[in-house]
């Protein structure tokens, strides 16, 4: 399995926590030396340069949106002080954080977008099972993406945001988590909600997204490998297995289901992919 892909997933899902090359190499399953070479060959970046560029880019976005507390951004980006963050920000972008916040302009900044994880089709896909799912509700952190570009590379960071906030979601049911794709349009835009099942939405705070999953027939696939390779499984399902199966996809949310076996800190443990199909 590709160590650079594992490293990309771990970096994107831990941007707001302390990250070291040793930590990332452990998750990638290789030595520091191996990871440095493999990551550079795959991405054109050194590991920690990519980490720094991504953190500063996300901080720049928050500043342009009016983030009031630069020290908080500095700490989130793993800088020990306002001064250290300002120096790194100025060295990277050529302007100070205060300037970006005052002008609310990102057009002149060279932001580092998340690098997309591998999505080529698999040679083999384990046969799925057929299931009838009951209706349920999901609440969590939502973002808008597009299937046709690399915007979905931000999903690991979205999950990190969910893990920081899920304790504030009321009326949770069970210990599982869901990644729900819904509200798609003809241009390829869709909402992705990283969330949990809830009993109802009656006292759900406004900042959380919500979606009703209807009772539905599903084809359920198991993704056993590291989470960084999920796009390969999804691509194989939609571009190979479904067309060959003769089944028709239903106009309903599809989702990933994570149970207690999945380890969000390492990306291992597997998950299920539920695709709605017509009766």
C-alpha atoms as a PDB file:
ATOM      1  CA  UNK A   1       0.000   0.000   0.000  1.00  0.00           C
ATOM      2  CA  UNK A   2       1.246   3.466  -0.902  1.00  0.00           C
ATOM      3  CA  UNK A   3       2.893   5.156   2.139  1.00  0.00           C
ATOM      4  CA  UNK A   4       2.489   8.614   0.583  1.00  0.00           C
ATOM      5  CA  UNK A   5      -1.282   8.121   0.402  1.00  0.00           C
ATOM      6  CA  UNK A   6      -1.411   7.082   4.066  1.00  0.00           C
ATOM      7  CA  UNK A   7       0.690  10.105   4.970  1.00  0.00           C
ATOM      8  CA  UNK A   8      -1.605  12.466   3.026  1.00  0.00           C
ATOM      9  CA  UNK A   9      -4.669  11.120   4.804  1.00  0.00           C
ATOM     10  CA  UNK A  10      -3.033  11.438   8.230  1.00  0.00           C
ATOM     11  CA  UNK A  11      -1.815  14.979   7.581  1.00  0.00           C
ATOM     12  CA  UNK A  12      -5.184  16.200   6.290  1.00  0.00           C
ATOM     13  CA  UNK A  13      -7.098  14.639   9.185  1.00  0.00           C
ATOM     14  CA  UNK A  14      -4.701  15.994  11.828  1.00  0.00           C
ATOM     15  CA  UNK A  15      -3.887  19.500  10.577  1.00  0.00           C
ATOM     16  CA  UNK A  16      -4.935  21.093  13.875  1.00  0.00           C
ATOM     17  CA  UNK A  17      -2.914  18.757  16.068  1.00  0.00           C
ATOM     18  CA  UNK A  18       0.798  18.429  16.680  1.00  0.00           C
ATOM     19  CA  UNK A  19       2.437  16.538  13.798  1.00  0.00           C
ATOM     20  CA  UNK A  20       5.975  15.198  13.575  1.00  0.00           C
ATOM     21  CA  UNK A  21       7.723  13.288  10.816  1.00  0.00           C
ATOM     22  CA  UNK A  22       8.000  10.327  13.177  1.00  0.00           C
ATOM     23  CA  UNK A  23       4.236  10.332  13.824  1.00  0.00           C
ATOM     24  CA  UNK A  24       3.455  10.381  10.123  1.00  0.00           C
ATOM     25  CA  UNK A  25       6.007   7.675   9.301  1.00  0.00           C
ATOM     26  CA  UNK A  26       4.467   5.357  11.903  1.00  0.00           C
ATOM     27  CA  UNK A  27       1.030   5.685  10.303  1.00  0.00           C
ATOM     28  CA  UNK A  28       2.535   5.277   6.826  1.00  0.00           C
ATOM     29  CA  UNK A  29       4.176   2.047   8.015  1.00  0.00           C
ATOM     30  CA  UNK A  30       7.690   2.938   6.843  1.00  0.00           C
ATOM     31  CA  UNK A  31      10.851   4.538   8.183  1.00  0.00           C
ATOM     32  CA  UNK A  32      11.403   8.286   8.238  1.00  0.00           C
ATOM     33  CA  UNK A  33      13.922   7.948   5.420  1.00  0.00           C
ATOM     34  CA  UNK A  34      11.537   5.865   3.304  1.00  0.00           C
ATOM     35  CA  UNK A  35       8.641   8.269   3.845  1.00  0.00           C
ATOM     36  CA  UNK A  36      10.690  11.354   2.956  1.00  0.00           C
ATOM     37  CA  UNK A  37      11.697   9.785  -0.373  1.00  0.00           C
ATOM     38  CA  UNK A  38       8.299   8.247  -1.178  1.00  0.00           C
ATOM     39  CA  UNK A  39       6.341  11.401  -0.325  1.00  0.00           C
ATOM     40  CA  UNK A  40       8.648  13.627  -2.376  1.00  0.00           C
ATOM     41  CA  UNK A  41       8.436  11.302  -5.371  1.00  0.00           C
ATOM     42  CA  UNK A  42       4.631  11.200  -5.171  1.00  0.00           C
ATOM     43  CA  UNK A  43       3.891  14.867  -4.436  1.00  0.00           C
ATOM     44  CA  UNK A  44       6.957  16.998  -5.157  1.00  0.00           C
ATOM     45  CA  UNK A  45       6.975  18.185  -1.524  1.00  0.00           C
ATOM     46  CA  UNK A  46       8.919  17.325   1.569  1.00  0.00           C
ATOM     47  CA  UNK A  47       6.547  16.011   4.227  1.00  0.00           C
ATOM     48  CA  UNK A  48       6.832  18.861   6.703  1.00  0.00           C
ATOM     49  CA  UNK A  49       6.885  21.525   3.985  1.00  0.00           C
ATOM     50  CA  UNK A  50       3.518  20.232   2.836  1.00  0.00           C
ATOM     51  CA  UNK A  51       2.233  20.252   6.426  1.00  0.00           C
ATOM     52  CA  UNK A  52       3.366  23.845   6.874  1.00  0.00           C
ATOM     53  CA  UNK A  53       1.897  24.994   3.540  1.00  0.00           C
ATOM     54  CA  UNK A  54      -1.454  23.374   4.249  1.00  0.00           C
ATOM     55  CA  UNK A  55      -1.701  24.819   7.768  1.00  0.00           C
ATOM     56  CA  UNK A  56      -0.829  28.319   6.651  1.00  0.00           C
ATOM     57  CA  UNK A  57      -3.257  28.092   3.720  1.00  0.00           C
ATOM     58  CA  UNK A  58      -6.128  27.081   5.999  1.00  0.00           C
ATOM     59  CA  UNK A  59      -5.176  29.874   8.405  1.00  0.00           C
ATOM     60  CA  UNK A  60      -5.220  32.363   5.507  1.00  0.00           C
ATOM     61  CA  UNK A  61      -8.749  31.305   4.593  1.00  0.00           C
ATOM     62  CA  UNK A  62      -9.913  31.831   8.163  1.00  0.00           C
ATOM     63  CA  UNK A  63      -8.234  35.244   8.297  1.00  0.00           C
ATOM     64  CA  UNK A  64      -9.923  36.340   5.064  1.00  0.00           C
ATOM     65  CA  UNK A  65     -13.220  35.232   6.590  1.00  0.00           C
ATOM     66  CA  UNK A  66     -12.590  37.548   9.544  1.00  0.00           C
ATOM     67  CA  UNK A  67     -11.094  35.270  12.226  1.00  0.00           C
ATOM     68  CA  UNK A  68     -10.829  37.575  15.261  1.00  0.00           C
ATOM     69  CA  UNK A  69      -8.076  35.837  17.225  1.00  0.00           C
ATOM     70  CA  UNK A  70      -4.737  35.355  15.469  1.00  0.00           C
ATOM     71  CA  UNK A  71      -3.218  33.628  18.512  1.00  0.00           C
ATOM     72  CA  UNK A  72      -5.853  30.884  18.304  1.00  0.00           C
ATOM     73  CA  UNK A  73      -5.010  30.363  14.622  1.00  0.00           C
ATOM     74  CA  UNK A  74      -1.331  30.243  15.530  1.00  0.00           C
ATOM     75  CA  UNK A  75      -1.900  27.554  18.148  1.00  0.00           C
ATOM     76  CA  UNK A  76      -4.149  25.552  15.803  1.00  0.00           C
ATOM     77  CA  UNK A  77      -1.366  25.640  13.213  1.00  0.00           C
ATOM     78  CA  UNK A  78       1.089  24.319  15.849  1.00  0.00           C
ATOM     79  CA  UNK A  79       2.978  27.575  16.333  1.00  0.00           C
ATOM     80  CA  UNK A  80       3.847  28.440  19.906  1.00  0.00           C
ATOM     81  CA  UNK A  81       3.218  32.170  19.683  1.00  0.00           C
ATOM     82  CA  UNK A  82       1.623  34.966  17.673  1.00  0.00           C
ATOM     83  CA  UNK A  83       5.110  36.136  16.683  1.00  0.00           C
ATOM     84  CA  UNK A  84       6.269  32.745  15.380  1.00  0.00           C
ATOM     85  CA  UNK A  85       3.084  32.339  13.354  1.00  0.00           C
ATOM     86  CA  UNK A  86       3.315  35.855  11.892  1.00  0.00           C
ATOM     87  CA  UNK A  87       6.943  35.295  10.888  1.00  0.00           C
ATOM     88  CA  UNK A  88       6.134  31.966   9.182  1.00  0.00           C
ATOM     89  CA  UNK A  89       3.039  33.432   7.493  1.00  0.00           C
ATOM     90  CA  UNK A  90       4.979  36.429   6.152  1.00  0.00           C
ATOM     91  CA  UNK A  91       7.843  34.231   4.940  1.00  0.00           C
ATOM     92  CA  UNK A  92       5.390  31.942   3.132  1.00  0.00           C
ATOM     93  CA  UNK A  93       2.971  34.462   1.598  1.00  0.00           C
ATOM     94  CA  UNK A  94       4.887  37.745   1.633  1.00  0.00           C
ATOM     95  CA  UNK A  95       2.222  39.513   3.721  1.00  0.00           C
ATOM     96  CA  UNK A  96       1.248  39.515   7.389  1.00  0.00           C
ATOM     97  CA  UNK A  97      -1.821  37.785   8.837  1.00  0.00           C
ATOM     98  CA  UNK A  98      -3.205  41.203   9.796  1.00  0.00           C
ATOM     99  CA  UNK A  99      -3.052  42.329   6.160  1.00  0.00           C
ATOM    100  CA  UNK A 100      -5.039  39.327   4.937  1.00  0.00           C
ATOM    101  CA  UNK A 101      -7.645  39.834   7.634  1.00  0.00           C
ATOM    102  CA  UNK A 102      -7.945  43.542   6.825  1.00  0.00           C
ATOM    103  CA  UNK A 103      -8.197  43.122   3.036  1.00  0.00           C
ATOM    104  CA  UNK A 104     -10.204  39.825   3.111  1.00  0.00           C
ATOM    105  CA  UNK A 105      -8.420  39.010  -0.158  1.00  0.00           C
ATOM    106  CA  UNK A 106      -6.824  35.669  -1.052  1.00  0.00           C
ATOM    107  CA  UNK A 107      -6.345  36.312  -4.784  1.00  0.00           C
ATOM    108  CA  UNK A 108      -2.668  37.229  -4.444  1.00  0.00           C
ATOM    109  CA  UNK A 109      -1.786  34.322  -2.153  1.00  0.00           C
ATOM    110  CA  UNK A 110      -0.484  31.016  -3.453  1.00  0.00           C
ATOM    111  CA  UNK A 111      -2.589  28.692  -1.339  1.00  0.00           C
ATOM    112  CA  UNK A 112      -1.703  25.023  -1.031  1.00  0.00           C
ATOM    113  CA  UNK A 113      -4.759  22.887  -1.725  1.00  0.00           C
ATOM    114  CA  UNK A 114      -4.953  19.345  -0.335  1.00  0.00           C
ATOM    115  CA  UNK A 115      -3.419  16.774  -2.677  1.00  0.00           C
ATOM    116  CA  UNK A 116      -5.942  14.227  -3.907  1.00  0.00           C
ATOM    117  CA  UNK A 117      -5.506  10.639  -2.796  1.00  0.00           C
ATOM    118  CA  UNK A 118      -5.300   7.826  -5.350  1.00  0.00           C
ATOM    119  CA  UNK A 119      -8.531   6.985  -7.180  1.00  0.00           C
ATOM    120  CA  UNK A 120      -7.596   4.437  -9.877  1.00  0.00           C
ATOM    121  CA  UNK A 121      -9.877   1.388 -10.076  1.00  0.00           C
ATOM    122  CA  UNK A 122      -9.149  -1.828  -8.178  1.00  0.00           C
ATOM    123  CA  UNK A 123      -8.456  -5.101  -9.977  1.00  0.00           C
ATOM    124  CA  UNK A 124     -10.640  -6.957  -7.476  1.00  0.00           C
ATOM    125  CA  UNK A 125     -13.641  -5.990  -5.364  1.00  0.00           C
ATOM    126  CA  UNK A 126     -15.168  -8.332  -2.784  1.00  0.00           C
ATOM    127  CA  UNK A 127     -18.800  -9.212  -3.583  1.00  0.00           C
ATOM    128  CA  UNK A 128     -21.240  -6.933  -1.726  1.00  0.00           C
ATOM    129  CA  UNK A 129     -24.313  -7.895   0.247  1.00  0.00           C
ATOM    130  CA  UNK A 130     -27.847  -6.664  -0.222  1.00  0.00           C
ATOM    131  CA  UNK A 131     -29.485  -4.944   2.765  1.00  0.00           C
ATOM    132  CA  UNK A 132     -32.707  -3.121   3.558  1.00  0.00           C
ATOM    133  CA  UNK A 133     -31.949  -0.091   5.712  1.00  0.00           C
ATOM    134  CA  UNK A 134     -34.454   1.532   8.037  1.00  0.00           C
ATOM    135  CA  UNK A 135     -34.952   5.299   7.994  1.00  0.00           C
ATOM    136  CA  UNK A 136     -32.675   7.271  10.325  1.00  0.00           C
ATOM    137  CA  UNK A 137     -31.317  10.775  10.952  1.00  0.00           C
ATOM    138  CA  UNK A 138     -27.711  11.994  10.756  1.00  0.00           C
ATOM    139  CA  UNK A 139     -26.313  15.237  12.192  1.00  0.00           C
ATOM    140  CA  UNK A 140     -22.769  16.508  11.933  1.00  0.00           C
ATOM    141  CA  UNK A 141     -20.344  18.737  10.052  1.00  0.00           C
ATOM    142  CA  UNK A 142     -21.287  19.471   6.433  1.00  0.00           C
ATOM    143  CA  UNK A 143     -19.353  20.810   3.438  1.00  0.00           C
ATOM    144  CA  UNK A 144     -20.131  21.269  -0.274  1.00  0.00           C
ATOM    145  CA  UNK A 145     -17.891  19.519  -2.827  1.00  0.00           C
ATOM    146  CA  UNK A 146     -17.742  18.672  -6.516  1.00  0.00           C
ATOM    147  CA  UNK A 147     -17.085  15.213  -7.956  1.00  0.00           C
ATOM    148  CA  UNK A 148     -15.321  16.669 -10.999  1.00  0.00           C
ATOM    149  CA  UNK A 149     -12.438  18.420  -9.241  1.00  0.00           C
ATOM    150  CA  UNK A 150     -10.033  17.826  -6.385  1.00  0.00           C
ATOM    151  CA  UNK A 151     -12.155  19.538  -3.729  1.00  0.00           C
ATOM    152  CA  UNK A 152     -12.956  16.199  -2.064  1.00  0.00           C
ATOM    153  CA  UNK A 153      -9.338  16.031  -0.909  1.00  0.00           C
ATOM    154  CA  UNK A 154     -10.539  18.240   1.964  1.00  0.00           C
ATOM    155  CA  UNK A 155     -12.780  15.529   3.425  1.00  0.00           C
ATOM    156  CA  UNK A 156     -10.171  14.143   5.885  1.00  0.00           C
ATOM    157  CA  UNK A 157      -9.812  17.619   7.385  1.00  0.00           C
ATOM    158  CA  UNK A 158     -13.607  17.826   7.611  1.00  0.00           C
ATOM    159  CA  UNK A 159     -13.603  14.621   9.663  1.00  0.00           C
ATOM    160  CA  UNK A 160     -11.032  16.183  11.969  1.00  0.00           C
ATOM    161  CA  UNK A 161     -13.429  19.075  12.518  1.00  0.00           C
ATOM    162  CA  UNK A 162     -16.224  16.620  13.232  1.00  0.00           C
ATOM    163  CA  UNK A 163     -14.193  14.796  15.885  1.00  0.00           C
ATOM    164  CA  UNK A 164     -13.553  18.133  17.598  1.00  0.00           C
ATOM    165  CA  UNK A 165     -17.275  18.955  17.711  1.00  0.00           C
ATOM    166  CA  UNK A 166     -19.242  15.695  17.878  1.00  0.00           C
ATOM    167  CA  UNK A 167     -19.555  15.798  21.675  1.00  0.00           C
ATOM    168  CA  UNK A 168     -21.805  18.853  21.223  1.00  0.00           C
ATOM    169  CA  UNK A 169     -24.320  16.989  19.040  1.00  0.00           C
ATOM    170  CA  UNK A 170     -27.386  16.166  21.196  1.00  0.00           C
ATOM    171  CA  UNK A 171     -29.477  12.978  21.198  1.00  0.00           C
ATOM    172  CA  UNK A 172     -26.835  10.718  19.680  1.00  0.00           C
ATOM    173  CA  UNK A 173     -27.676   7.062  19.021  1.00  0.00           C
ATOM    174  CA  UNK A 174     -25.028   4.330  19.053  1.00  0.00           C
ATOM    175  CA  UNK A 175     -21.266   4.561  18.629  1.00  0.00           C
ATOM    176  CA  UNK A 176     -21.008   4.565  14.844  1.00  0.00           C
ATOM    177  CA  UNK A 177     -20.266   7.434  12.459  1.00  0.00           C
ATOM    178  CA  UNK A 178     -21.486   8.177   8.945  1.00  0.00           C
ATOM    179  CA  UNK A 179     -20.090   9.977   5.917  1.00  0.00           C
ATOM    180  CA  UNK A 180     -23.179  10.901   3.907  1.00  0.00           C
ATOM    181  CA  UNK A 181     -23.207  12.127   0.277  1.00  0.00           C
ATOM    182  CA  UNK A 182     -26.473  13.919  -0.477  1.00  0.00           C
ATOM    183  CA  UNK A 183     -28.146  16.855  -2.270  1.00  0.00           C
ATOM    184  CA  UNK A 184     -26.308  16.273  -5.525  1.00  0.00           C
ATOM    185  CA  UNK A 185     -26.973  18.325  -8.663  1.00  0.00           C
ATOM    186  CA  UNK A 186     -26.326  17.942 -12.395  1.00  0.00           C
ATOM    187  CA  UNK A 187     -23.076  19.906 -12.161  1.00  0.00           C
ATOM    188  CA  UNK A 188     -21.551  17.290  -9.857  1.00  0.00           C
ATOM    189  CA  UNK A 189     -21.894  19.328  -6.664  1.00  0.00           C
ATOM    190  CA  UNK A 190     -22.932  17.496  -3.509  1.00  0.00           C
ATOM    191  CA  UNK A 191     -23.042  17.848   0.264  1.00  0.00           C
ATOM    192  CA  UNK A 192     -20.882  15.596   2.425  1.00  0.00           C
ATOM    193  CA  UNK A 193     -21.863  15.273   6.076  1.00  0.00           C
ATOM    194  CA  UNK A 194     -19.520  13.690   8.611  1.00  0.00           C
ATOM    195  CA  UNK A 195     -21.893  12.820  11.404  1.00  0.00           C
ATOM    196  CA  UNK A 196     -23.617  10.499  13.828  1.00  0.00           C
ATOM    197  CA  UNK A 197     -27.099   9.061  14.080  1.00  0.00           C
ATOM    198  CA  UNK A 198     -29.452  11.139  16.255  1.00  0.00           C
ATOM    199  CA  UNK A 199     -32.938  10.585  17.644  1.00  0.00           C
ATOM    200  CA  UNK A 200     -34.282  13.887  16.266  1.00  0.00           C
ATOM    201  CA  UNK A 201     -33.258  17.390  15.207  1.00  0.00           C
ATOM    202  CA  UNK A 202     -35.409  19.284  17.717  1.00  0.00           C
ATOM    203  CA  UNK A 203     -32.562  20.870  19.676  1.00  0.00           C
ATOM    204  CA  UNK A 204     -29.694  20.487  17.208  1.00  0.00           C
ATOM    205  CA  UNK A 205     -27.550  23.676  17.171  1.00  0.00           C
ATOM    206  CA  UNK A 206     -27.648  25.623  13.913  1.00  0.00           C
ATOM    207  CA  UNK A 207     -24.001  25.092  13.089  1.00  0.00           C
ATOM    208  CA  UNK A 208     -24.548  21.384  12.490  1.00  0.00           C
ATOM    209  CA  UNK A 209     -25.726  19.938   9.179  1.00  0.00           C
ATOM    210  CA  UNK A 210     -28.544  17.406   9.097  1.00  0.00           C
ATOM    211  CA  UNK A 211     -29.924  14.818   6.682  1.00  0.00           C
ATOM    212  CA  UNK A 212     -32.795  12.316   6.726  1.00  0.00           C
ATOM    213  CA  UNK A 213     -31.848   8.904   5.360  1.00  0.00           C
ATOM    214  CA  UNK A 214     -34.981   7.147   4.033  1.00  0.00           C
ATOM    215  CA  UNK A 215     -35.836   3.459   4.339  1.00  0.00           C
ATOM    216  CA  UNK A 216     -34.086   2.019   1.318  1.00  0.00           C
ATOM    217  CA  UNK A 217     -32.624  -1.041  -0.398  1.00  0.00           C
ATOM    218  CA  UNK A 218     -28.801  -0.928  -0.519  1.00  0.00           C
ATOM    219  CA  UNK A 219     -25.823  -2.701  -1.995  1.00  0.00           C
ATOM    220  CA  UNK A 220     -23.250  -2.774   0.822  1.00  0.00           C
ATOM    221  CA  UNK A 221     -19.531  -2.988   0.076  1.00  0.00           C
ATOM    222  CA  UNK A 222     -16.736  -3.528   2.605  1.00  0.00           C
ATOM    223  CA  UNK A 223     -13.582  -1.452   2.368  1.00  0.00           C
ATOM    224  CA  UNK A 224     -10.955  -3.330   4.407  1.00  0.00           C
ATOM    225  CA  UNK A 225      -7.821  -1.414   3.495  1.00  0.00           C
ATOM    226  CA  UNK A 226      -6.476   1.835   4.871  1.00  0.00           C
ATOM    227  CA  UNK A 227      -8.882   4.771   4.630  1.00  0.00           C
ATOM    228  CA  UNK A 228      -6.486   6.606   2.280  1.00  0.00           C
ATOM    229  CA  UNK A 229      -7.446   4.172  -0.523  1.00  0.00           C
ATOM    230  CA  UNK A 230     -11.217   4.583  -0.188  1.00  0.00           C
ATOM    231  CA  UNK A 231     -11.432   6.565  -3.436  1.00  0.00           C
ATOM    232  CA  UNK A 232     -10.177   3.506  -5.321  1.00  0.00           C
ATOM    233  CA  UNK A 233     -12.976   1.406  -3.862  1.00  0.00           C
ATOM    234  CA  UNK A 234     -15.604   4.067  -4.544  1.00  0.00           C
ATOM    235  CA  UNK A 235     -14.363   4.535  -8.109  1.00  0.00           C
ATOM    236  CA  UNK A 236     -14.503   0.787  -8.729  1.00  0.00           C
ATOM    237  CA  UNK A 237     -18.053   0.564  -7.349  1.00  0.00           C
ATOM    238  CA  UNK A 238     -19.434   3.389  -9.481  1.00  0.00           C
ATOM    239  CA  UNK A 239     -17.445   2.883 -12.692  1.00  0.00           C
ATOM    240  CA  UNK A 240     -17.125  -0.895 -12.843  1.00  0.00           C
ATOM    241  CA  UNK A 241     -19.284  -2.909 -10.433  1.00  0.00           C
ATOM    242  CA  UNK A 242     -22.585  -1.022 -10.740  1.00  0.00           C
ATOM    243  CA  UNK A 243     -22.564  -0.758 -14.564  1.00  0.00           C
ATOM    244  CA  UNK A 244     -21.779  -4.466 -14.843  1.00  0.00           C
ATOM    245  CA  UNK A 245     -24.393  -5.458 -12.250  1.00  0.00           C
ATOM    246  CA  UNK A 246     -27.379  -4.107 -14.156  1.00  0.00           C
ATOM    247  CA  UNK A 247     -28.688  -2.499 -10.939  1.00  0.00           C
ATOM    248  CA  UNK A 248     -30.109   1.023 -11.030  1.00  0.00           C
ATOM    249  CA  UNK A 249     -28.946   3.542  -8.444  1.00  0.00           C
ATOM    250  CA  UNK A 250     -31.779   5.167  -6.483  1.00  0.00           C
ATOM    251  CA  UNK A 251     -32.019   8.936  -6.019  1.00  0.00           C
ATOM    252  CA  UNK A 252     -31.196   8.835  -2.306  1.00  0.00           C
ATOM    253  CA  UNK A 253     -28.182   9.547  -0.076  1.00  0.00           C
ATOM    254  CA  UNK A 254     -25.281   7.103  -0.182  1.00  0.00           C
ATOM    255  CA  UNK A 255     -23.001   6.817   2.791  1.00  0.00           C
ATOM    256  CA  UNK A 256     -19.980   5.325   4.501  1.00  0.00           C
ATOM    257  CA  UNK A 257     -20.597   3.589   7.820  1.00  0.00           C
ATOM    258  CA  UNK A 258     -17.831   3.444  10.437  1.00  0.00           C
ATOM    259  CA  UNK A 259     -18.247   1.229  13.513  1.00  0.00           C
ATOM    260  CA  UNK A 260     -16.150   0.790  16.661  1.00  0.00           C
ATOM    261  CA  UNK A 261     -13.505  -1.193  14.759  1.00  0.00           C
ATOM    262  CA  UNK A 262     -12.424   1.874  12.782  1.00  0.00           C
ATOM    263  CA  UNK A 263      -9.557   3.819  14.360  1.00  0.00           C
ATOM    264  CA  UNK A 264      -9.805   7.497  13.396  1.00  0.00           C
ATOM    265  CA  UNK A 265      -6.243   8.160  14.583  1.00  0.00           C
ATOM    266  CA  UNK A 266      -4.614   5.579  12.285  1.00  0.00           C
ATOM    267  CA  UNK A 267      -7.163   5.120   9.485  1.00  0.00           C
ATOM    268  CA  UNK A 268      -7.343   1.339   9.863  1.00  0.00           C
ATOM    269  CA  UNK A 269     -10.208  -0.952  10.832  1.00  0.00           C
ATOM    270  CA  UNK A 270     -12.306  -0.802   7.681  1.00  0.00           C
ATOM    271  CA  UNK A 271     -15.748   0.590   6.878  1.00  0.00           C
ATOM    272  CA  UNK A 272     -18.860  -0.099   4.816  1.00  0.00           C
ATOM    273  CA  UNK A 273     -20.063   1.768   1.731  1.00  0.00           C
ATOM    274  CA  UNK A 274     -23.865   1.773   1.324  1.00  0.00           C
ATOM    275  CA  UNK A 275     -25.169   2.538  -2.173  1.00  0.00           C
ATOM    276  CA  UNK A 276     -28.947   2.920  -2.614  1.00  0.00           C
ATOM    277  CA  UNK A 277     -30.496   0.899  -5.452  1.00  0.00           C
ATOM    278  CA  UNK A 278     -33.967   0.589  -6.893  1.00  0.00           C
ATOM    279  CA  UNK A 279     -36.180  -2.361  -6.030  1.00  0.00           C
END
